[in-house]
PDB file of N, CA and C in Angstrom:
ATOM      1  N   UNK A   1      94.376  72.139 -15.737  1.00  0.00           N
ATOM      2  CA  UNK A   1      92.980  71.770 -15.632  1.00  0.00           C
ATOM      3  C   UNK A   1      92.333  71.950 -17.001  1.00  0.00           C
ATOM      4  N   UNK A   2      91.653  70.895 -17.493  1.00  0.00           N
ATOM      5  CA  UNK A   2      91.025  71.021 -18.802  1.00  0.00           C
ATOM      6  C   UNK A   2      89.637  71.646 -18.680  1.00  0.00           C
ATOM      7  N   UNK A   3      89.027  71.878 -19.828  1.00  0.00           N
ATOM      8  CA  UNK A   3      87.747  72.585 -19.865  1.00  0.00           C
ATOM      9  C   UNK A   3      86.641  71.822 -19.134  1.00  0.00           C
ATOM     10  N   UNK A   4      86.638  70.505 -19.246  1.00  0.00           N
ATOM     11  CA  UNK A   4      85.639  69.683 -18.566  1.00  0.00           C
ATOM     12  C   UNK A   4      85.792  69.782 -17.049  1.00  0.00           C
ATOM     13  N   UNK A   5      87.036  69.752 -16.566  1.00  0.00           N
ATOM     14  CA  UNK A   5      87.291  69.882 -15.129  1.00  0.00           C
ATOM     15  C   UNK A   5      86.857  71.253 -14.619  1.00  0.00           C
ATOM     16  N   UNK A   6      87.120  72.282 -15.411  1.00  0.00           N
ATOM     17  CA  UNK A   6      86.728  73.639 -15.013  1.00  0.00           C
ATOM     18  C   UNK A   6      85.218  73.755 -14.928  1.00  0.00           C
ATOM     19  N   UNK A   7      84.521  73.163 -15.889  1.00  0.00           N
ATOM     20  CA  UNK A   7      83.051  73.214 -15.892  1.00  0.00           C
ATOM     21  C   UNK A   7      82.498  72.459 -14.678  1.00  0.00           C
ATOM     22  N   UNK A   8      83.083  71.292 -14.373  1.00  0.00           N
ATOM     23  CA  UNK A   8      82.639  70.508 -13.210  1.00  0.00           C
ATOM     24  C   UNK A   8      82.838  71.291 -11.918  1.00  0.00           C
ATOM     25  N   UNK A   9      83.983  71.933 -11.808  1.00  0.00           N
ATOM     26  CA  UNK A   9      84.246  72.744 -10.619  1.00  0.00           C
ATOM     27  C   UNK A   9      83.263  73.913 -10.547  1.00  0.00           C
ATOM     28  N   UNK A  10      82.990  74.516 -11.705  1.00  0.00           N
ATOM     29  CA  UNK A  10      82.040  75.627 -11.751  1.00  0.00           C
ATOM     30  C   UNK A  10      80.652  75.203 -11.305  1.00  0.00           C
ATOM     31  N   UNK A  11      80.230  73.997 -11.691  1.00  0.00           N
ATOM     32  CA  UNK A  11      78.917  73.499 -11.290  1.00  0.00           C
ATOM     33  C   UNK A  11      78.897  73.238  -9.784  1.00  0.00           C
ATOM     34  N   UNK A  12      79.986  72.703  -9.249  1.00  0.00           N
ATOM     35  CA  UNK A  12      80.077  72.512  -7.805  1.00  0.00           C
ATOM     36  C   UNK A  12      80.029  73.830  -7.059  1.00  0.00           C
ATOM     37  N   UNK A  13      80.719  74.828  -7.592  1.00  0.00           N
ATOM     38  CA  UNK A  13      80.691  76.158  -6.978  1.00  0.00           C
ATOM     39  C   UNK A  13      79.297  76.775  -7.075  1.00  0.00           C
ATOM     40  N   UNK A  14      78.600  76.529  -8.191  1.00  0.00           N
ATOM     41  CA  UNK A  14      77.238  77.033  -8.355  1.00  0.00           C
ATOM     42  C   UNK A  14      76.328  76.417  -7.293  1.00  0.00           C
ATOM     43  N   UNK A  15      76.515  75.128  -7.016  1.00  0.00           N
ATOM     44  CA  UNK A  15      75.724  74.461  -5.976  1.00  0.00           C
ATOM     45  C   UNK A  15      76.006  75.091  -4.612  1.00  0.00           C
ATOM     46  N   UNK A  16      77.258  75.457  -4.362  1.00  0.00           N
ATOM     47  CA  UNK A  16      77.623  76.127  -3.107  1.00  0.00           C
ATOM     48  C   UNK A  16      76.879  77.455  -2.974  1.00  0.00           C
ATOM     49  N   UNK A  17      76.833  78.211  -4.042  1.00  0.00           N
ATOM     50  CA  UNK A  17      76.131  79.498  -4.026  1.00  0.00           C
ATOM     51  C   UNK A  17      74.637  79.285  -3.802  1.00  0.00           C
ATOM     52  N   UNK A  18      74.064  78.276  -4.460  1.00  0.00           N
ATOM     53  CA  UNK A  18      72.644  77.989  -4.261  1.00  0.00           C
ATOM     54  C   UNK A  18      72.351  77.603  -2.805  1.00  0.00           C
ATOM     55  N   UNK A  19      73.240  76.834  -2.191  1.00  0.00           N
ATOM     56  CA  UNK A  19      73.050  76.483  -0.773  1.00  0.00           C
ATOM     57  C   UNK A  19      73.076  77.739   0.096  1.00  0.00           C
ATOM     58  N   UNK A  20      74.008  78.668  -0.211  1.00  0.00           N
ATOM     59  CA  UNK A  20      74.091  79.932   0.527  1.00  0.00           C
ATOM     60  C   UNK A  20      72.791  80.726   0.354  1.00  0.00           C
ATOM     61  N   UNK A  21      72.281  80.775  -0.877  1.00  0.00           N
ATOM     62  CA  UNK A  21      71.036  81.506  -1.155  1.00  0.00           C
ATOM     63  C   UNK A  21      69.892  80.901  -0.349  1.00  0.00           C
ATOM     64  N   UNK A  22      69.759  79.568  -0.387  1.00  0.00           N
ATOM     65  CA  UNK A  22      68.679  78.889   0.329  1.00  0.00           C
ATOM     66  C   UNK A  22      68.813  79.043   1.842  1.00  0.00           C
ATOM     67  N   UNK A  23      70.027  78.866   2.353  1.00  0.00           N
ATOM     68  CA  UNK A  23      70.252  78.936   3.799  1.00  0.00           C
ATOM     69  C   UNK A  23      69.893  80.310   4.361  1.00  0.00           C
ATOM     70  N   UNK A  24      70.019  81.330   3.537  1.00  0.00           N
ATOM     71  CA  UNK A  24      69.739  82.693   3.977  1.00  0.00           C
ATOM     72  C   UNK A  24      68.423  83.237   3.437  1.00  0.00           C
ATOM     73  N   UNK A  25      67.657  82.383   2.753  1.00  0.00           N
ATOM     74  CA  UNK A  25      66.348  82.774   2.189  1.00  0.00           C
ATOM     75  C   UNK A  25      66.436  84.073   1.396  1.00  0.00           C
ATOM     76  N   UNK A  26      67.454  84.172   0.552  1.00  0.00           N
ATOM     77  CA  UNK A  26      67.689  85.406  -0.195  1.00  0.00           C
ATOM     78  C   UNK A  26      66.736  85.537  -1.380  1.00  0.00           C
ATOM     79  N   UNK A  27      66.290  86.747  -1.597  1.00  0.00           N
ATOM     80  CA  UNK A  27      65.499  87.086  -2.787  1.00  0.00           C
ATOM     81  C   UNK A  27      66.355  87.841  -3.794  1.00  0.00           C
ATOM     82  N   UNK A  28      67.409  88.502  -3.288  1.00  0.00           N
ATOM     83  CA  UNK A  28      68.360  89.208  -4.145  1.00  0.00           C
ATOM     84  C   UNK A  28      69.665  89.355  -3.372  1.00  0.00           C
ATOM     85  N   UNK A  29      70.732  89.646  -4.106  1.00  0.00           N
ATOM     86  CA  UNK A  29      72.041  89.834  -3.484  1.00  0.00           C
ATOM     87  C   UNK A  29      72.945  90.558  -4.460  1.00  0.00           C
ATOM     88  N   UNK A  30      74.027  91.112  -3.941  1.00  0.00           N
ATOM     89  CA  UNK A  30      75.036  91.729  -4.801  1.00  0.00           C
ATOM     90  C   UNK A  30      76.202  90.758  -4.949  1.00  0.00           C
ATOM     91  N   UNK A  31      76.972  90.963  -5.980  1.00  0.00           N
ATOM     92  CA  UNK A  31      78.164  90.147  -6.197  1.00  0.00           C
ATOM     93  C   UNK A  31      79.093  90.278  -4.996  1.00  0.00           C
ATOM     94  N   UNK A  32      79.227  91.474  -4.477  1.00  0.00           N
ATOM     95  CA  UNK A  32      80.098  91.703  -3.324  1.00  0.00           C
ATOM     96  C   UNK A  32      79.616  90.934  -2.089  1.00  0.00           C
ATOM     97  N   UNK A  33      78.311  90.968  -1.823  1.00  0.00           N
ATOM     98  CA  UNK A  33      77.778  90.212  -0.684  1.00  0.00           C
ATOM     99  C   UNK A  33      78.114  88.731  -0.804  1.00  0.00           C
ATOM    100  N   UNK A  34      77.905  88.195  -1.973  1.00  0.00           N
ATOM    101  CA  UNK A  34      78.180  86.776  -2.210  1.00  0.00           C
ATOM    102  C   UNK A  34      79.660  86.484  -2.002  1.00  0.00           C
ATOM    103  N   UNK A  35      80.509  87.285  -2.560  1.00  0.00           N
ATOM    104  CA  UNK A  35      81.955  87.065  -2.425  1.00  0.00           C
ATOM    105  C   UNK A  35      82.393  87.188  -0.975  1.00  0.00           C
ATOM    106  N   UNK A  36      81.866  88.162  -0.260  1.00  0.00           N
ATOM    107  CA  UNK A  36      82.249  88.351   1.134  1.00  0.00           C
ATOM    108  C   UNK A  36      81.803  87.180   2.002  1.00  0.00           C
ATOM    109  N   UNK A  37      80.603  86.679   1.787  1.00  0.00           N
ATOM    110  CA  UNK A  37      80.086  85.563   2.586  1.00  0.00           C
ATOM    111  C   UNK A  37      80.793  84.250   2.258  1.00  0.00           C
ATOM    112  N   UNK A  38      81.265  84.123   1.030  1.00  0.00           N
ATOM    113  CA  UNK A  38      81.917  82.887   0.594  1.00  0.00           C
ATOM    114  C   UNK A  38      83.400  83.111   0.307  1.00  0.00           C
ATOM    115  N   UNK A  39      84.000  84.058   1.011  1.00  0.00           N
ATOM    116  CA  UNK A  39      85.382  84.426   0.712  1.00  0.00           C
ATOM    117  C   UNK A  39      86.392  83.322   1.001  1.00  0.00           C
ATOM    118  N   UNK A  40      86.004  82.320   1.764  1.00  0.00           N
ATOM    119  CA  UNK A  40      86.892  81.177   1.951  1.00  0.00           C
ATOM    120  C   UNK A  40      87.100  80.420   0.651  1.00  0.00           C
ATOM    121  N   UNK A  41      86.114  80.478  -0.233  1.00  0.00           N
ATOM    122  CA  UNK A  41      86.198  79.810  -1.535  1.00  0.00           C
ATOM    123  C   UNK A  41      86.552  80.785  -2.659  1.00  0.00           C
ATOM    124  N   UNK A  42      86.037  82.005  -2.582  1.00  0.00           N
ATOM    125  CA  UNK A  42      86.238  83.013  -3.630  1.00  0.00           C
ATOM    126  C   UNK A  42      86.969  84.206  -3.043  1.00  0.00           C
ATOM    127  N   UNK A  43      88.263  84.259  -3.236  1.00  0.00           N
ATOM    128  CA  UNK A  43      89.072  85.353  -2.677  1.00  0.00           C
ATOM    129  C   UNK A  43      88.775  86.680  -3.368  1.00  0.00           C
ATOM    130  N   UNK A  44      88.439  86.625  -4.660  1.00  0.00           N
ATOM    131  CA  UNK A  44      88.167  87.837  -5.435  1.00  0.00           C
ATOM    132  C   UNK A  44      86.864  87.667  -6.198  1.00  0.00           C
ATOM    133  N   UNK A  45      86.193  88.780  -6.430  1.00  0.00           N
ATOM    134  CA  UNK A  45      84.926  88.741  -7.165  1.00  0.00           C
ATOM    135  C   UNK A  45      85.123  88.174  -8.566  1.00  0.00           C
ATOM    136  N   UNK A  46      86.287  88.386  -9.149  1.00  0.00           N
ATOM    137  CA  UNK A  46      86.560  87.865 -10.498  1.00  0.00           C
ATOM    138  C   UNK A  46      86.464  86.341 -10.535  1.00  0.00           C
ATOM    139  N   UNK A  47      86.762  85.668  -9.439  1.00  0.00           N
ATOM    140  CA  UNK A  47      86.642  84.209  -9.376  1.00  0.00           C
ATOM    141  C   UNK A  47      85.183  83.780  -9.349  1.00  0.00           C
ATOM    142  N   UNK A  48      84.331  84.627  -8.852  1.00  0.00           N
ATOM    143  CA  UNK A  48      82.920  84.338  -8.691  1.00  0.00           C
ATOM    144  C   UNK A  48      82.122  84.556  -9.977  1.00  0.00           C
ATOM    145  N   UNK A  49      82.551  85.464 -10.813  1.00  0.00           N
ATOM    146  CA  UNK A  49      81.785  85.855 -11.988  1.00  0.00           C
ATOM    147  C   UNK A  49      81.456  84.700 -12.941  1.00  0.00           C
ATOM    148  N   UNK A  50      82.402  83.791 -13.271  1.00  0.00           N
ATOM    149  CA  UNK A  50      82.027  82.688 -14.173  1.00  0.00           C
ATOM    150  C   UNK A  50      80.990  81.749 -13.541  1.00  0.00           C
ATOM    151  N   UNK A  51      81.031  81.606 -12.236  1.00  0.00           N
ATOM    152  CA  UNK A  51      80.068  80.748 -11.539  1.00  0.00           C
ATOM    153  C   UNK A  51      78.689  81.401 -11.551  1.00  0.00           C
ATOM    154  N   UNK A  52      78.655  82.694 -11.312  1.00  0.00           N
ATOM    155  CA  UNK A  52      77.398  83.444 -11.384  1.00  0.00           C
ATOM    156  C   UNK A  52      76.811  83.299 -12.783  1.00  0.00           C
ATOM    157  N   UNK A  53      77.655  83.339 -13.794  1.00  0.00           N
ATOM    158  CA  UNK A  53      77.186  83.209 -15.179  1.00  0.00           C
ATOM    159  C   UNK A  53      76.508  81.856 -15.400  1.00  0.00           C
ATOM    160  N   UNK A  54      77.025  80.800 -14.778  1.00  0.00           N
ATOM    161  CA  UNK A  54      76.393  79.481 -14.875  1.00  0.00           C
ATOM    162  C   UNK A  54      74.972  79.549 -14.311  1.00  0.00           C
ATOM    163  N   UNK A  55      74.809  80.195 -13.165  1.00  0.00           N
ATOM    164  CA  UNK A  55      73.485  80.300 -12.546  1.00  0.00           C
ATOM    165  C   UNK A  55      72.533  81.155 -13.386  1.00  0.00           C
ATOM    166  N   UNK A  56      73.060  82.182 -14.036  1.00  0.00           N
ATOM    167  CA  UNK A  56      72.244  83.011 -14.928  1.00  0.00           C
ATOM    168  C   UNK A  56      71.806  82.168 -16.123  1.00  0.00           C
ATOM    169  N   UNK A  57      72.737  81.417 -16.724  1.00  0.00           N
ATOM    170  CA  UNK A  57      72.417  80.564 -17.875  1.00  0.00           C
ATOM    171  C   UNK A  57      71.373  79.510 -17.523  1.00  0.00           C
ATOM    172  N   UNK A  58      71.427  78.989 -16.301  1.00  0.00           N
ATOM    173  CA  UNK A  58      70.482  77.962 -15.860  1.00  0.00           C
ATOM    174  C   UNK A  58      69.125  78.540 -15.466  1.00  0.00           C
ATOM    175  N   UNK A  59      69.027  79.860 -15.407  1.00  0.00           N
ATOM    176  CA  UNK A  59      67.772  80.494 -15.031  1.00  0.00           C
ATOM    177  C   UNK A  59      67.523  80.492 -13.530  1.00  0.00           C
ATOM    178  N   UNK A  60      68.563  80.261 -12.735  1.00  0.00           N
ATOM    179  CA  UNK A  60      68.429  80.255 -11.274  1.00  0.00           C
ATOM    180  C   UNK A  60      68.405  81.666 -10.713  1.00  0.00           C
ATOM    181  N   UNK A  61      69.166  82.553 -11.331  1.00  0.00           N
ATOM    182  CA  UNK A  61      69.209  83.958 -10.918  1.00  0.00           C
ATOM    183  C   UNK A  61      69.174  84.807 -12.183  1.00  0.00           C
ATOM    184  N   UNK A  62      68.906  86.077 -12.012  1.00  0.00           N
ATOM    185  CA  UNK A  62      68.956  86.997 -13.148  1.00  0.00           C
ATOM    186  C   UNK A  62      69.645  88.284 -12.722  1.00  0.00           C
ATOM    187  N   UNK A  63      70.259  88.913 -13.693  1.00  0.00           N
ATOM    188  CA  UNK A  63      70.903  90.202 -13.431  1.00  0.00           C
ATOM    189  C   UNK A  63      69.833  91.280 -13.314  1.00  0.00           C
ATOM    190  N   UNK A  64      70.060  92.211 -12.417  1.00  0.00           N
ATOM    191  CA  UNK A  64      69.158  93.340 -12.230  1.00  0.00           C
ATOM    192  C   UNK A  64      69.916  94.591 -12.631  1.00  0.00           C
ATOM    193  N   UNK A  65      69.315  95.363 -13.497  1.00  0.00           N
ATOM    194  CA  UNK A  65      69.939  96.621 -13.912  1.00  0.00           C
ATOM    195  C   UNK A  65      69.504  97.691 -12.926  1.00  0.00           C
ATOM    196  N   UNK A  66      70.464  98.197 -12.119  1.00  0.00           N
ATOM    197  CA  UNK A  66      70.102  99.211 -11.120  1.00  0.00           C
ATOM    198  C   UNK A  66      69.782 100.548 -11.788  1.00  0.00           C
ATOM    199  N   UNK A  67      68.981 101.374 -11.123  1.00  0.00           N
ATOM    200  CA  UNK A  67      68.694 102.700 -11.671  1.00  0.00           C
ATOM    201  C   UNK A  67      69.967 103.533 -11.734  1.00  0.00           C
ATOM    202  N   UNK A  68      70.058 104.432 -12.696  1.00  0.00           N
ATOM    203  CA  UNK A  68      71.274 105.247 -12.815  1.00  0.00           C
ATOM    204  C   UNK A  68      71.470 106.143 -11.596  1.00  0.00           C
ATOM    205  N   UNK A  69      72.722 106.260 -11.183  1.00  0.00           N
ATOM    206  CA  UNK A  69      73.085 107.160 -10.092  1.00  0.00           C
ATOM    207  C   UNK A  69      74.578 107.448 -10.204  1.00  0.00           C
ATOM    208  N   UNK A  70      75.065 108.296  -9.357  1.00  0.00           N
ATOM    209  CA  UNK A  70      76.474 108.664  -9.362  1.00  0.00           C
ATOM    210  C   UNK A  70      77.291 107.520  -8.759  1.00  0.00           C
ATOM    211  N   UNK A  71      78.450 107.270  -9.321  1.00  0.00           N
ATOM    212  CA  UNK A  71      79.318 106.217  -8.808  1.00  0.00           C
ATOM    213  C   UNK A  71      79.101 104.906  -9.531  1.00  0.00           C
ATOM    214  N   UNK A  72      79.876 103.924  -9.145  1.00  0.00           N
ATOM    215  CA  UNK A  72      79.778 102.614  -9.789  1.00  0.00           C
ATOM    216  C   UNK A  72      78.573 101.871  -9.232  1.00  0.00           C
ATOM    217  N   UNK A  73      77.690 101.383 -10.119  1.00  0.00           N
ATOM    218  CA  UNK A  73      76.504 100.678  -9.625  1.00  0.00           C
ATOM    219  C   UNK A  73      76.871  99.292  -9.100  1.00  0.00           C
ATOM    220  N   UNK A  74      76.161  98.821  -8.085  1.00  0.00           N
ATOM    221  CA  UNK A  74      76.418  97.465  -7.599  1.00  0.00           C
ATOM    222  C   UNK A  74      75.947  96.445  -8.635  1.00  0.00           C
ATOM    223  N   UNK A  75      76.590  95.291  -8.671  1.00  0.00           N
ATOM    224  CA  UNK A  75      76.158  94.226  -9.562  1.00  0.00           C
ATOM    225  C   UNK A  75      75.129  93.402  -8.794  1.00  0.00           C
ATOM    226  N   UNK A  76      73.875  93.635  -9.115  1.00  0.00           N
ATOM    227  CA  UNK A  76      72.762  93.013  -8.408  1.00  0.00           C
ATOM    228  C   UNK A  76      72.253  91.780  -9.135  1.00  0.00           C
ATOM    229  N   UNK A  77      71.774  90.819  -8.363  1.00  0.00           N
ATOM    230  CA  UNK A  77      71.180  89.611  -8.918  1.00  0.00           C
ATOM    231  C   UNK A  77      69.911  89.319  -8.139  1.00  0.00           C
ATOM    232  N   UNK A  78      68.905  88.847  -8.849  1.00  0.00           N
ATOM    233  CA  UNK A  78      67.654  88.457  -8.215  1.00  0.00           C
ATOM    234  C   UNK A  78      67.549  86.947  -8.308  1.00  0.00           C
ATOM    235  N   UNK A  79      67.138  86.318  -7.223  1.00  0.00           N
ATOM    236  CA  UNK A  79      66.980  84.871  -7.201  1.00  0.00           C
ATOM    237  C   UNK A  79      65.688  84.534  -7.927  1.00  0.00           C
ATOM    238  N   UNK A  80      65.771  83.670  -8.906  1.00  0.00           N
ATOM    239  CA  UNK A  80      64.605  83.280  -9.688  1.00  0.00           C
ATOM    240  C   UNK A  80      64.129  81.897  -9.250  1.00  0.00           C
ATOM    241  N   UNK A  81      65.061  80.929  -9.230  1.00  0.00           N
ATOM    242  CA  UNK A  81      64.698  79.548  -8.920  1.00  0.00           C
ATOM    243  C   UNK A  81      65.876  78.874  -8.250  1.00  0.00           C
ATOM    244  N   UNK A  82      65.998  79.037  -6.962  1.00  0.00           N
ATOM    245  CA  UNK A  82      67.108  78.419  -6.228  1.00  0.00           C
ATOM    246  C   UNK A  82      66.727  77.046  -5.693  1.00  0.00           C
ATOM    247  N   UNK A  83      65.486  76.606  -5.925  1.00  0.00           N
ATOM    248  CA  UNK A  83      64.999  75.364  -5.351  1.00  0.00           C
ATOM    249  C   UNK A  83      65.644  74.110  -5.881  1.00  0.00           C
ATOM    250  N   UNK A  84      66.020  74.086  -7.144  1.00  0.00           N
ATOM    251  CA  UNK A  84      66.587  72.884  -7.750  1.00  0.00           C
ATOM    252  C   UNK A  84      68.102  72.856  -7.582  1.00  0.00           C
ATOM    253  N   UNK A  85      68.663  71.675  -7.600  1.00  0.00           N
ATOM    254  CA  UNK A  85      70.123  71.527  -7.495  1.00  0.00           C
ATOM    255  C   UNK A  85      70.794  71.939  -8.793  1.00  0.00           C
ATOM    256  N   UNK A  86      72.040  72.419  -8.678  1.00  0.00           N
ATOM    257  CA  UNK A  86      72.821  72.820  -9.857  1.00  0.00           C
ATOM    258  C   UNK A  86      73.262  71.599 -10.616  1.00  0.00           C
TER     259      UNK A  86
END
């Protein structure tokens, strides 16, 4: 798969995530929640991360820095603009 094909697939996957966000009226979510709900497409969170990055670059979602606490912090995202298509 060349770079153009990968980008096209990533944009399609980003649209899938946006549909999930809209269908559930989400204001925020964790990477784990997204992966679990869409596990038919994303078996591992690592597969989801480049797609999430596309949505961050497009300004559709933003990363949220959680307050410090013991243990590994969840990777949180806030929905900024899920209204437009990817």
